[in-house]
C-alpha atoms as a PDB file:
ATOM      1  CA  UNK A   1       4.624  36.218  32.688  1.00  0.00           C
ATOM      2  CA  UNK A   2       3.578  36.868  29.059  1.00  0.00           C
ATOM      3  CA  UNK A   3       7.064  36.045  27.904  1.00  0.00           C
ATOM      4  CA  UNK A   4       7.029  32.687  29.732  1.00  0.00           C
ATOM      5  CA  UNK A   5       3.565  31.762  28.335  1.00  0.00           C
ATOM      6  CA  UNK A   6       4.765  32.667  24.766  1.00  0.00           C
ATOM      7  CA  UNK A   7       7.859  30.539  25.211  1.00  0.00           C
ATOM      8  CA  UNK A   8       5.830  27.623  26.549  1.00  0.00           C
ATOM      9  CA  UNK A   9       3.397  27.808  23.568  1.00  0.00           C
ATOM     10  CA  UNK A  10       6.322  28.173  21.070  1.00  0.00           C
ATOM     11  CA  UNK A  11       8.175  25.192  22.671  1.00  0.00           C
ATOM     12  CA  UNK A  12       5.039  23.045  22.536  1.00  0.00           C
ATOM     13  CA  UNK A  13       4.439  23.964  18.930  1.00  0.00           C
ATOM     14  CA  UNK A  14       8.043  23.083  18.027  1.00  0.00           C
ATOM     15  CA  UNK A  15       7.877  19.760  19.780  1.00  0.00           C
ATOM     16  CA  UNK A  16       4.582  19.000  18.067  1.00  0.00           C
ATOM     17  CA  UNK A  17       6.017  19.952  14.646  1.00  0.00           C
ATOM     18  CA  UNK A  18       9.039  17.784  15.344  1.00  0.00           C
ATOM     19  CA  UNK A  19       6.916  14.811  16.344  1.00  0.00           C
ATOM     20  CA  UNK A  20       4.731  15.139  13.332  1.00  0.00           C
ATOM     21  CA  UNK A  21       7.652  15.427  11.008  1.00  0.00           C
ATOM     22  CA  UNK A  22       9.157  12.204  12.224  1.00  0.00           C
ATOM     23  CA  UNK A  23       6.245  10.177  13.286  1.00  0.00           C
ATOM     24  CA  UNK A  24       2.542  10.642  12.661  1.00  0.00           C
ATOM     25  CA  UNK A  25       2.865  12.646   9.418  1.00  0.00           C
ATOM     26  CA  UNK A  26       5.088   9.986   7.890  1.00  0.00           C
ATOM     27  CA  UNK A  27       2.519   7.367   8.801  1.00  0.00           C
ATOM     28  CA  UNK A  28      -0.233   9.299   7.060  1.00  0.00           C
ATOM     29  CA  UNK A  29       1.609  10.296   3.881  1.00  0.00           C
ATOM     30  CA  UNK A  30       0.522   9.072   0.479  1.00  0.00           C
ATOM     31  CA  UNK A  31       2.282   6.455  -1.624  1.00  0.00           C
ATOM     32  CA  UNK A  32       3.734   9.201  -3.824  1.00  0.00           C
ATOM     33  CA  UNK A  33       5.998  10.057  -0.924  1.00  0.00           C
ATOM     34  CA  UNK A  34       7.445   6.516  -0.672  1.00  0.00           C
ATOM     35  CA  UNK A  35      10.841   5.628  -2.131  1.00  0.00           C
ATOM     36  CA  UNK A  36      10.458   4.103  -5.584  1.00  0.00           C
ATOM     37  CA  UNK A  37      11.961   0.704  -6.320  1.00  0.00           C
ATOM     38  CA  UNK A  38      12.988  -0.691  -9.760  1.00  0.00           C
ATOM     39  CA  UNK A  39       9.930  -2.698 -10.936  1.00  0.00           C
ATOM     40  CA  UNK A  40      12.189  -5.131 -12.786  1.00  0.00           C
ATOM     41  CA  UNK A  41      13.435  -6.369  -9.347  1.00  0.00           C
ATOM     42  CA  UNK A  42       9.847  -7.482  -8.694  1.00  0.00           C
ATOM     43  CA  UNK A  43       9.207  -9.089 -12.117  1.00  0.00           C
ATOM     44  CA  UNK A  44       9.239 -12.881 -11.916  1.00  0.00           C
ATOM     45  CA  UNK A  45       9.761 -15.476 -14.547  1.00  0.00           C
ATOM     46  CA  UNK A  46       6.207 -16.570 -14.814  1.00  0.00           C
ATOM     47  CA  UNK A  47       4.832 -18.208 -17.887  1.00  0.00           C
ATOM     48  CA  UNK A  48       1.204 -17.285 -17.170  1.00  0.00           C
ATOM     49  CA  UNK A  49       1.826 -13.650 -16.261  1.00  0.00           C
ATOM     50  CA  UNK A  50       4.921 -12.251 -17.963  1.00  0.00           C
ATOM     51  CA  UNK A  51       5.620  -8.660 -17.035  1.00  0.00           C
ATOM     52  CA  UNK A  52       3.561  -8.722 -13.857  1.00  0.00           C
ATOM     53  CA  UNK A  53       4.985  -7.374 -10.596  1.00  0.00           C
ATOM     54  CA  UNK A  54       4.605  -9.482  -7.399  1.00  0.00           C
ATOM     55  CA  UNK A  55       5.545  -8.526  -3.902  1.00  0.00           C
ATOM     56  CA  UNK A  56       4.913  -9.420  -0.312  1.00  0.00           C
ATOM     57  CA  UNK A  57       4.655  -7.047   2.647  1.00  0.00           C
ATOM     58  CA  UNK A  58       6.907  -7.342   5.605  1.00  0.00           C
ATOM     59  CA  UNK A  59       4.135  -9.071   7.578  1.00  0.00           C
ATOM     60  CA  UNK A  60       3.569 -11.615   4.820  1.00  0.00           C
ATOM     61  CA  UNK A  61       0.599 -10.430   2.714  1.00  0.00           C
ATOM     62  CA  UNK A  62       0.911 -11.248  -1.076  1.00  0.00           C
ATOM     63  CA  UNK A  63       0.091  -8.579  -3.646  1.00  0.00           C
ATOM     64  CA  UNK A  64       0.607  -8.035  -7.390  1.00  0.00           C
ATOM     65  CA  UNK A  65       0.192  -5.589 -10.254  1.00  0.00           C
ATOM     66  CA  UNK A  66      -0.686  -7.483 -13.439  1.00  0.00           C
ATOM     67  CA  UNK A  67       0.888  -6.450 -16.732  1.00  0.00           C
ATOM     68  CA  UNK A  68      -0.936  -4.590 -19.470  1.00  0.00           C
ATOM     69  CA  UNK A  69      -2.926  -2.462 -17.081  1.00  0.00           C
ATOM     70  CA  UNK A  70      -4.579  -5.480 -15.541  1.00  0.00           C
ATOM     71  CA  UNK A  71      -5.838  -5.532 -12.021  1.00  0.00           C
ATOM     72  CA  UNK A  72      -3.750  -4.936  -8.915  1.00  0.00           C
ATOM     73  CA  UNK A  73      -4.611  -6.399  -5.564  1.00  0.00           C
ATOM     74  CA  UNK A  74      -3.729  -8.570  -2.574  1.00  0.00           C
ATOM     75  CA  UNK A  75      -4.630 -12.031  -1.389  1.00  0.00           C
ATOM     76  CA  UNK A  76      -5.610 -10.571   1.988  1.00  0.00           C
ATOM     77  CA  UNK A  77      -8.413  -8.607   3.534  1.00  0.00           C
ATOM     78  CA  UNK A  78      -8.836  -6.561   6.617  1.00  0.00           C
ATOM     79  CA  UNK A  79     -10.915  -7.463   9.744  1.00  0.00           C
ATOM     80  CA  UNK A  80     -13.736  -5.207   8.474  1.00  0.00           C
ATOM     81  CA  UNK A  81     -14.011  -6.958   5.128  1.00  0.00           C
ATOM     82  CA  UNK A  82     -17.347  -8.649   4.178  1.00  0.00           C
ATOM     83  CA  UNK A  83     -17.561 -12.298   5.402  1.00  0.00           C
ATOM     84  CA  UNK A  84     -16.364 -14.859   2.937  1.00  0.00           C
ATOM     85  CA  UNK A  85     -13.979 -12.508   1.017  1.00  0.00           C
ATOM     86  CA  UNK A  86     -10.340 -13.228   0.690  1.00  0.00           C
ATOM     87  CA  UNK A  87      -8.992 -10.707  -1.870  1.00  0.00           C
ATOM     88  CA  UNK A  88      -8.946  -7.018  -2.481  1.00  0.00           C
ATOM     89  CA  UNK A  89      -8.581  -5.756  -6.073  1.00  0.00           C
ATOM     90  CA  UNK A  90      -8.701  -2.678  -8.160  1.00  0.00           C
ATOM     91  CA  UNK A  91      -8.220  -1.810 -11.851  1.00  0.00           C
ATOM     92  CA  UNK A  92      -8.412   1.294 -14.125  1.00  0.00           C
ATOM     93  CA  UNK A  93     -12.075   0.634 -14.978  1.00  0.00           C
ATOM     94  CA  UNK A  94     -12.956  -1.120 -11.695  1.00  0.00           C
ATOM     95  CA  UNK A  95     -13.298   0.567  -8.304  1.00  0.00           C
ATOM     96  CA  UNK A  96     -11.593  -1.261  -5.486  1.00  0.00           C
ATOM     97  CA  UNK A  97     -13.635  -4.110  -4.126  1.00  0.00           C
ATOM     98  CA  UNK A  98     -13.478  -7.275  -2.022  1.00  0.00           C
ATOM     99  CA  UNK A  99     -13.592 -10.648  -3.815  1.00  0.00           C
ATOM    100  CA  UNK A 100     -14.525 -14.162  -2.771  1.00  0.00           C
ATOM    101  CA  UNK A 101     -11.964 -15.948  -5.008  1.00  0.00           C
ATOM    102  CA  UNK A 102     -11.646 -19.628  -5.702  1.00  0.00           C
ATOM    103  CA  UNK A 103      -7.845 -19.488  -5.502  1.00  0.00           C
ATOM    104  CA  UNK A 104      -5.112 -16.949  -4.717  1.00  0.00           C
ATOM    105  CA  UNK A 105      -4.610 -14.564  -7.612  1.00  0.00           C
ATOM    106  CA  UNK A 106      -1.958 -12.116  -6.370  1.00  0.00           C
ATOM    107  CA  UNK A 107       0.433 -14.621  -4.829  1.00  0.00           C
ATOM    108  CA  UNK A 108       3.742 -15.853  -6.238  1.00  0.00           C
ATOM    109  CA  UNK A 109       6.018 -18.065  -4.170  1.00  0.00           C
ATOM    110  CA  UNK A 110       9.125 -16.236  -5.336  1.00  0.00           C
ATOM    111  CA  UNK A 111       7.897 -12.741  -4.602  1.00  0.00           C
ATOM    112  CA  UNK A 112      10.256 -10.393  -2.833  1.00  0.00           C
ATOM    113  CA  UNK A 113       9.392  -8.263   0.189  1.00  0.00           C
ATOM    114  CA  UNK A 114       8.614  -4.650  -0.649  1.00  0.00           C
ATOM    115  CA  UNK A 115       9.982  -2.782   2.355  1.00  0.00           C
ATOM    116  CA  UNK A 116       7.951  -0.385   4.428  1.00  0.00           C
ATOM    117  CA  UNK A 117       8.077   3.174   2.893  1.00  0.00           C
ATOM    118  CA  UNK A 118       8.702   1.889  -0.666  1.00  0.00           C
ATOM    119  CA  UNK A 119       6.536   1.785  -3.769  1.00  0.00           C
ATOM    120  CA  UNK A 120       6.548  -0.072  -7.101  1.00  0.00           C
ATOM    121  CA  UNK A 121       5.007   1.166 -10.285  1.00  0.00           C
ATOM    122  CA  UNK A 122       4.044  -0.864 -13.348  1.00  0.00           C
ATOM    123  CA  UNK A 123       2.222   0.833 -16.223  1.00  0.00           C
ATOM    124  CA  UNK A 124      -0.197   3.304 -14.655  1.00  0.00           C
ATOM    125  CA  UNK A 125      -0.519   1.432 -11.367  1.00  0.00           C
ATOM    126  CA  UNK A 126       1.442   2.080  -8.190  1.00  0.00           C
ATOM    127  CA  UNK A 127       1.382   0.061  -4.979  1.00  0.00           C
ATOM    128  CA  UNK A 128       3.299   0.849  -1.855  1.00  0.00           C
ATOM    129  CA  UNK A 129       3.920  -0.460   1.657  1.00  0.00           C
ATOM    130  CA  UNK A 130       3.453   2.071   4.437  1.00  0.00           C
ATOM    131  CA  UNK A 131       3.459   2.255   8.221  1.00  0.00           C
ATOM    132  CA  UNK A 132       3.096  -1.194   9.912  1.00  0.00           C
ATOM    133  CA  UNK A 133       2.684  -3.013   6.573  1.00  0.00           C
ATOM    134  CA  UNK A 134      -0.280  -0.999   5.300  1.00  0.00           C
ATOM    135  CA  UNK A 135      -0.674  -1.619   1.561  1.00  0.00           C
ATOM    136  CA  UNK A 136      -2.041   1.057  -0.804  1.00  0.00           C
ATOM    137  CA  UNK A 137      -2.576   0.679  -4.568  1.00  0.00           C
ATOM    138  CA  UNK A 138      -3.618   3.452  -7.054  1.00  0.00           C
ATOM    139  CA  UNK A 139      -4.621   3.288 -10.626  1.00  0.00           C
ATOM    140  CA  UNK A 140      -6.410   6.208 -12.233  1.00  0.00           C
ATOM    141  CA  UNK A 141      -9.219   7.472  -9.926  1.00  0.00           C
ATOM    142  CA  UNK A 142      -9.414   4.139  -8.134  1.00  0.00           C
ATOM    143  CA  UNK A 143      -7.437   2.662  -5.272  1.00  0.00           C
ATOM    144  CA  UNK A 144      -7.347   1.079  -1.874  1.00  0.00           C
ATOM    145  CA  UNK A 145      -5.532   1.123   1.390  1.00  0.00           C
ATOM    146  CA  UNK A 146      -5.372  -2.162   3.282  1.00  0.00           C
ATOM    147  CA  UNK A 147      -4.266  -2.697   6.858  1.00  0.00           C
ATOM    148  CA  UNK A 148      -4.845  -5.723   9.084  1.00  0.00           C
ATOM    149  CA  UNK A 149      -7.706  -3.925  10.808  1.00  0.00           C
ATOM    150  CA  UNK A 150      -9.325  -1.702   8.194  1.00  0.00           C
ATOM    151  CA  UNK A 151      -9.594  -0.948   4.443  1.00  0.00           C
ATOM    152  CA  UNK A 152     -10.349   2.239   2.562  1.00  0.00           C
ATOM    153  CA  UNK A 153     -11.734   1.633  -0.958  1.00  0.00           C
ATOM    154  CA  UNK A 154     -12.217   4.048  -3.807  1.00  0.00           C
END
Protein backbone atom coordinates (compact mmCIF):
# COMPACT_ATOMS: atom_id res chain seq x y z
CA UNK A 1 0.00 0.00 0.00
CA UNK A 2 2.85 2.39 0.80
CA UNK A 3 4.41 1.68 -2.60
CA UNK A 4 1.11 2.44 -4.40
CA UNK A 5 0.72 5.73 -2.48
CA UNK A 6 4.30 6.72 -3.27
CA UNK A 7 3.81 5.94 -6.97
CA UNK A 8 0.55 7.90 -7.04
CA UNK A 9 2.18 10.96 -5.46
CA UNK A 10 5.22 10.68 -7.78
CA UNK A 11 2.98 10.33 -10.85
CA UNK A 12 0.94 13.36 -9.81
CA UNK A 13 4.09 15.39 -9.26
CA UNK A 14 5.43 14.39 -12.68
CA UNK A 15 2.16 15.31 -14.38
CA UNK A 16 2.09 18.65 -12.57
CA UNK A 17 5.70 19.38 -13.51
CA UNK A 18 5.01 18.50 -17.12
CA UNK A 19 1.91 20.69 -17.23
CA UNK A 20 3.76 23.62 -15.69
CA UNK A 21 6.68 23.27 -18.06
CA UNK A 22 4.44 23.40 -21.09
CA UNK A 23 1.60 25.63 -19.97
CA UNK A 24 1.22 27.78 -16.92
CA UNK A 25 4.91 28.44 -16.29
CA UNK A 26 5.37 29.64 -19.87
CA UNK A 27 2.43 32.00 -19.42
CA UNK A 28 4.01 33.48 -16.29
CA UNK A 29 7.59 33.84 -17.56
CA UNK A 30 9.25 37.23 -17.89
CA UNK A 31 10.02 38.96 -21.16
CA UNK A 32 13.67 37.96 -20.83
CA UNK A 33 12.55 34.42 -21.65
CA UNK A 34 10.90 35.47 -24.93
CA UNK A 35 12.59 34.99 -28.30
CA UNK A 36 14.35 38.18 -29.40
CA UNK A 37 13.62 39.70 -32.81
CA UNK A 38 15.81 42.00 -34.88
CA UNK A 39 14.72 45.54 -33.93
CA UNK A 40 15.52 46.78 -37.44
CA UNK A 41 12.59 44.68 -38.68
CA UNK A 42 10.35 46.96 -36.58
CA UNK A 43 11.98 50.30 -37.49
CA UNK A 44 9.80 52.24 -39.88
CA UNK A 45 10.59 55.06 -42.28
CA UNK A 46 9.05 57.80 -40.20
CA UNK A 47 10.19 61.38 -40.58
CA UNK A 48 9.00 62.44 -37.11
CA UNK A 49 10.46 59.52 -35.15
CA UNK A 50 13.49 57.99 -36.92
CA UNK A 51 14.94 55.02 -35.09
CA UNK A 52 11.78 54.28 -33.13
CA UNK A 53 10.36 50.76 -32.97
CA UNK A 54 6.65 50.24 -33.64
CA UNK A 55 4.69 47.00 -33.31
CA UNK A 56 1.20 45.64 -32.91
CA UNK A 57 0.07 42.72 -30.81
CA UNK A 58 -1.65 39.72 -32.40
CA UNK A 59 -4.97 41.08 -31.08
CA UNK A 60 -4.42 44.54 -32.58
CA UNK A 61 -3.02 46.79 -29.83
CA UNK A 62 -0.45 49.36 -31.01
CA UNK A 63 2.79 49.92 -29.10
CA UNK A 64 6.18 51.58 -29.60
CA UNK A 65 9.61 52.21 -28.15
CA UNK A 66 10.80 55.69 -29.03
CA UNK A 67 14.42 56.28 -30.03
CA UNK A 68 17.05 57.89 -27.82
CA UNK A 69 15.70 56.36 -24.60
CA UNK A 70 12.33 58.00 -25.11
CA UNK A 71 9.14 56.59 -23.66
CA UNK A 72 7.68 53.20 -24.49
CA UNK A 73 4.02 52.44 -24.35
CA UNK A 74 0.79 51.39 -25.97
CA UNK A 75 -2.28 53.14 -27.30
CA UNK A 76 -4.38 50.76 -25.23
CA UNK A 77 -5.47 50.31 -21.65
CA UNK A 78 -6.94 47.47 -19.64
CA UNK A 79 -10.45 47.27 -18.22
CA UNK A 80 -9.13 48.29 -14.78
CA UNK A 81 -7.55 51.54 -16.07
CA UNK A 82 -8.78 54.87 -14.72
CA UNK A 83 -11.75 56.29 -16.63
CA UNK A 84 -10.81 58.58 -19.51
CA UNK A 85 -7.34 57.13 -20.09
CA UNK A 86 -6.30 55.69 -23.43
CA UNK A 87 -2.54 55.11 -23.20
CA UNK A 88 -0.06 53.36 -20.97
CA UNK A 89 3.53 54.63 -20.96
CA UNK A 90 6.86 54.21 -19.17
CA UNK A 91 10.34 55.74 -19.45
CA UNK A 92 13.72 55.49 -17.73
CA UNK A 93 12.89 58.42 -15.43
CA UNK A 94 9.13 57.89 -15.38
CA UNK A 95 7.28 55.07 -13.66
CA UNK A 96 4.56 53.39 -15.73
CA UNK A 97 1.31 55.32 -15.74
CA UNK A 98 -1.95 55.76 -17.61
CA UNK A 99 -2.42 58.82 -19.82
CA UNK A 100 -5.41 60.66 -21.23
CA UNK A 101 -3.87 61.60 -24.59
CA UNK A 102 -5.18 63.97 -27.23
CA UNK A 103 -4.09 61.61 -30.03
CA UNK A 104 -2.47 58.18 -30.44
CA UNK A 105 1.23 58.33 -29.69
CA UNK A 106 2.34 54.72 -30.07
CA UNK A 107 0.53 53.82 -33.28
CA UNK A 108 2.01 53.57 -36.77
CA UNK A 109 -0.11 52.26 -39.65
CA UNK A 110 2.78 50.21 -41.08
CA UNK A 111 3.72 48.51 -37.79
CA UNK A 112 4.33 44.75 -37.96
CA UNK A 113 2.86 42.21 -35.56
CA UNK A 114 5.22 41.15 -32.78
CA UNK A 115 4.29 37.47 -32.30
CA UNK A 116 3.37 35.97 -28.97
CA UNK A 117 6.47 34.84 -27.09
CA UNK A 118 8.78 37.37 -28.78
CA UNK A 119 10.49 40.56 -27.60
CA UNK A 120 12.08 43.59 -29.21
CA UNK A 121 14.80 45.73 -27.63
CA UNK A 122 15.78 49.25 -28.56
CA UNK A 123 18.35 51.09 -26.47
CA UNK A 124 17.76 50.12 -22.87
CA UNK A 125 14.06 49.32 -23.34
CA UNK A 126 12.54 45.91 -24.04
CA UNK A 127 8.92 45.11 -24.86
CA UNK A 128 7.47 41.68 -25.44
CA UNK A 129 4.19 39.99 -26.23
CA UNK A 130 3.25 37.12 -23.97
CA UNK A 131 0.42 34.72 -23.39
CA UNK A 132 -2.86 35.80 -25.06
CA UNK A 133 -1.37 39.09 -26.28
CA UNK A 134 -0.23 40.43 -22.93
CA UNK A 135 2.29 43.24 -23.51
CA UNK A 136 5.16 43.92 -21.12
CA UNK A 137 7.72 46.72 -21.38
CA UNK A 138 10.73 47.28 -19.14
CA UNK A 139 13.19 50.15 -18.92
CA UNK A 140 15.49 50.40 -15.92
CA UNK A 141 13.51 49.90 -12.70
CA UNK A 142 10.22 50.80 -14.41
CA UNK A 143 7.83 48.77 -16.48
CA UNK A 144 4.33 47.53 -17.06
CA UNK A 145 2.34 44.49 -18.06
CA UNK A 146 -0.85 45.15 -19.99
CA UNK A 147 -3.58 42.64 -20.73
CA UNK A 148 -7.12 43.29 -21.86
CA UNK A 149 -8.38 42.83 -18.30
CA UNK A 150 -5.64 44.09 -15.96
CA UNK A 151 -2.43 46.07 -15.79
CA UNK A 152 0.57 45.88 -13.49
CA UNK A 153 2.56 49.13 -13.25
CA UNK A 154 5.95 49.76 -11.69
